[in-house]
Amino acid sequence: MDHIVTVQDAVTAFADFMEPTVAELNAIELESPLILAEVDLLDAQIITLDRLPNEVDTRRVRRARNRVLSERRALANRIAGAALPGVGA
């Protein structure tokens, strides 16, 4: 009979090697404003699922959608700026 401990040891044996790299953490940090904006948009959309959206709900969804678009543009500009050093200011 195998014990759960032996299975757990086999599953977690390589946990140290499965940590995110510094480059992956930097990419997550770079994308985090967009991720947070998308979460806010999803929250605003979820609120409207169980009822007919009123004017405040409509504004909330519109503002959240605009923030997502703004963050996507900002992320694209940051990536383009990082790819072309010395260009723009």
C-alpha atoms as a PDB file:
ATOM      1  CA  MET A   1       0.000   0.000   0.000  1.00  0.00           C
ATOM      2  CA  ASP A   2       1.432   3.372  -1.024  1.00  0.00           C
ATOM      3  CA  HIS A   3       1.199   6.197   1.400  1.00  0.00           C
ATOM      4  CA  ILE A   4       0.117   9.684   0.368  1.00  0.00           C
ATOM      5  CA  VAL A   5       3.423  11.034   1.697  1.00  0.00           C
ATOM      6  CA  THR A   6       5.388   9.181  -0.958  1.00  0.00           C
ATOM      7  CA  VAL A   7       3.094  10.538  -3.654  1.00  0.00           C
ATOM      8  CA  GLN A   8       3.406  14.042  -2.239  1.00  0.00           C
ATOM      9  CA  ASP A   9       7.200  13.739  -2.215  1.00  0.00           C
ATOM     10  CA  ALA A  10       7.151  12.683  -5.853  1.00  0.00           C
ATOM     11  CA  VAL A  11       4.888  15.571  -6.835  1.00  0.00           C
ATOM     12  CA  THR A  12       6.765  18.267  -4.934  1.00  0.00           C
ATOM     13  CA  ALA A  13      10.250  16.921  -5.507  1.00  0.00           C
ATOM     14  CA  PHE A  14      10.945  19.408  -8.312  1.00  0.00           C
ATOM     15  CA  ALA A  15       9.144  22.401  -6.808  1.00  0.00           C
ATOM     16  CA  ASP A  16      12.367  24.427  -6.502  1.00  0.00           C
ATOM     17  CA  PHE A  17      12.976  24.094 -10.223  1.00  0.00           C
ATOM     18  CA  MET A  18       9.415  25.084 -11.134  1.00  0.00           C
ATOM     19  CA  GLU A  19       9.615  28.599  -9.672  1.00  0.00           C
ATOM     20  CA  PRO A  20       9.172  31.479 -12.122  1.00  0.00           C
ATOM     21  CA  THR A  21      12.338  33.005 -13.462  1.00  0.00           C
ATOM     22  CA  VAL A  22      13.291  36.627 -12.984  1.00  0.00           C
ATOM     23  CA  ALA A  23      12.312  37.338 -16.600  1.00  0.00           C
ATOM     24  CA  GLU A  24       8.868  35.790 -16.068  1.00  0.00           C
ATOM     25  CA  LEU A  25       8.345  37.801 -12.881  1.00  0.00           C
ATOM     26  CA  ASN A  26       9.357  40.988 -14.711  1.00  0.00           C
ATOM     27  CA  ALA A  27       6.876  40.197 -17.499  1.00  0.00           C
ATOM     28  CA  ILE A  28       4.104  39.667 -14.949  1.00  0.00           C
ATOM     29  CA  GLU A  29       4.986  42.947 -13.257  1.00  0.00           C
ATOM     30  CA  LEU A  30       4.946  44.713 -16.627  1.00  0.00           C
ATOM     31  CA  GLU A  31       1.497  43.293 -17.442  1.00  0.00           C
ATOM     32  CA  SER A  32      -0.043  43.681 -13.976  1.00  0.00           C
ATOM     33  CA  PRO A  33      -1.831  47.029 -14.657  1.00  0.00           C
ATOM     34  CA  LEU A  34      -3.570  45.420 -17.641  1.00  0.00           C
ATOM     35  CA  ILE A  35      -4.442  42.339 -15.624  1.00  0.00           C
ATOM     36  CA  LEU A  36      -5.972  44.464 -12.867  1.00  0.00           C
ATOM     37  CA  ALA A  37      -7.942  46.499 -15.420  1.00  0.00           C
ATOM     38  CA  GLU A  38      -9.287  43.293 -16.971  1.00  0.00           C
ATOM     39  CA  VAL A  39     -10.313  42.044 -13.511  1.00  0.00           C
ATOM     40  CA  ASP A  40     -12.191  45.306 -12.913  1.00  0.00           C
ATOM     41  CA  LEU A  41     -13.955  44.922 -16.271  1.00  0.00           C
ATOM     42  CA  LEU A  42     -14.905  41.355 -15.425  1.00  0.00           C
ATOM     43  CA  ASP A  43     -16.247  42.465 -12.030  1.00  0.00           C
ATOM     44  CA  ALA A  44     -18.341  45.185 -13.693  1.00  0.00           C
ATOM     45  CA  GLN A  45     -19.713  42.679 -16.206  1.00  0.00           C
ATOM     46  CA  ILE A  46     -20.508  40.131 -13.505  1.00  0.00           C
ATOM     47  CA  ILE A  47     -22.563  42.720 -11.618  1.00  0.00           C
ATOM     48  CA  THR A  48     -24.810  43.123 -14.660  1.00  0.00           C
ATOM     49  CA  LEU A  49     -25.438  39.399 -15.152  1.00  0.00           C
ATOM     50  CA  ASP A  50     -28.217  38.929 -12.632  1.00  0.00           C
ATOM     51  CA  ARG A  51     -30.158  42.117 -13.273  1.00  0.00           C
ATOM     52  CA  LEU A  52     -30.988  44.640 -15.932  1.00  0.00           C
ATOM     53  CA  PRO A  53     -28.070  47.108 -15.996  1.00  0.00           C
ATOM     54  CA  ASN A  54     -28.948  50.596 -14.822  1.00  0.00           C
ATOM     55  CA  GLU A  55     -27.151  53.797 -15.805  1.00  0.00           C
ATOM     56  CA  VAL A  56     -24.502  53.419 -13.106  1.00  0.00           C
ATOM     57  CA  ASP A  57     -23.758  49.840 -14.186  1.00  0.00           C
ATOM     58  CA  THR A  58     -23.482  50.938 -17.807  1.00  0.00           C
ATOM     59  CA  ARG A  59     -21.031  53.686 -16.858  1.00  0.00           C
ATOM     60  CA  ARG A  60     -19.010  51.281 -14.721  1.00  0.00           C
ATOM     61  CA  VAL A  61     -18.673  48.806 -17.596  1.00  0.00           C
ATOM     62  CA  ARG A  62     -17.821  51.579 -20.066  1.00  0.00           C
ATOM     63  CA  ARG A  63     -15.157  53.061 -17.764  1.00  0.00           C
ATOM     64  CA  ALA A  64     -13.674  49.628 -17.113  1.00  0.00           C
ATOM     65  CA  ARG A  65     -13.601  48.841 -20.845  1.00  0.00           C
ATOM     66  CA  ASN A  66     -11.901  52.171 -21.557  1.00  0.00           C
ATOM     67  CA  ARG A  67      -9.355  51.482 -18.826  1.00  0.00           C
ATOM     68  CA  VAL A  68      -8.563  48.080 -20.371  1.00  0.00           C
ATOM     69  CA  LEU A  69      -8.037  49.704 -23.759  1.00  0.00           C
ATOM     70  CA  SER A  70      -5.852  52.384 -22.195  1.00  0.00           C
ATOM     71  CA  GLU A  71      -3.743  49.813 -20.354  1.00  0.00           C
ATOM     72  CA  ARG A  72      -3.364  47.721 -23.521  1.00  0.00           C
ATOM     73  CA  ARG A  73      -2.114  50.798 -25.361  1.00  0.00           C
ATOM     74  CA  ALA A  74       0.253  51.662 -22.511  1.00  0.00           C
ATOM     75  CA  LEU A  75       1.591  48.099 -22.396  1.00  0.00           C
ATOM     76  CA  ALA A  76       2.162  48.087 -26.148  1.00  0.00           C
ATOM     77  CA  ASN A  77       4.024  51.380 -25.857  1.00  0.00           C
ATOM     78  CA  ARG A  78       6.157  50.089 -22.972  1.00  0.00           C
ATOM     79  CA  ILE A  79       7.020  46.945 -24.923  1.00  0.00           C
ATOM     80  CA  ALA A  80       7.812  48.948 -28.055  1.00  0.00           C
ATOM     81  CA  GLY A  81       9.919  51.365 -26.025  1.00  0.00           C
ATOM     82  CA  ALA A  82      11.848  48.495 -24.456  1.00  0.00           C
ATOM     83  CA  ALA A  83      12.418  46.881 -27.850  1.00  0.00           C
ATOM     84  CA  LEU A  84      13.767  50.095 -29.391  1.00  0.00           C
ATOM     85  CA  PRO A  85      16.176  51.625 -26.888  1.00  0.00           C
ATOM     86  CA  GLY A  86      17.148  55.203 -27.593  1.00  0.00           C
ATOM     87  CA  VAL A  87      14.057  55.908 -29.683  1.00  0.00           C
ATOM     88  CA  GLY A  88      11.594  58.494 -28.385  1.00  0.00           C
ATOM     89  CA  ALA A  89      11.640  60.258 -25.085  1.00  0.00           C
END
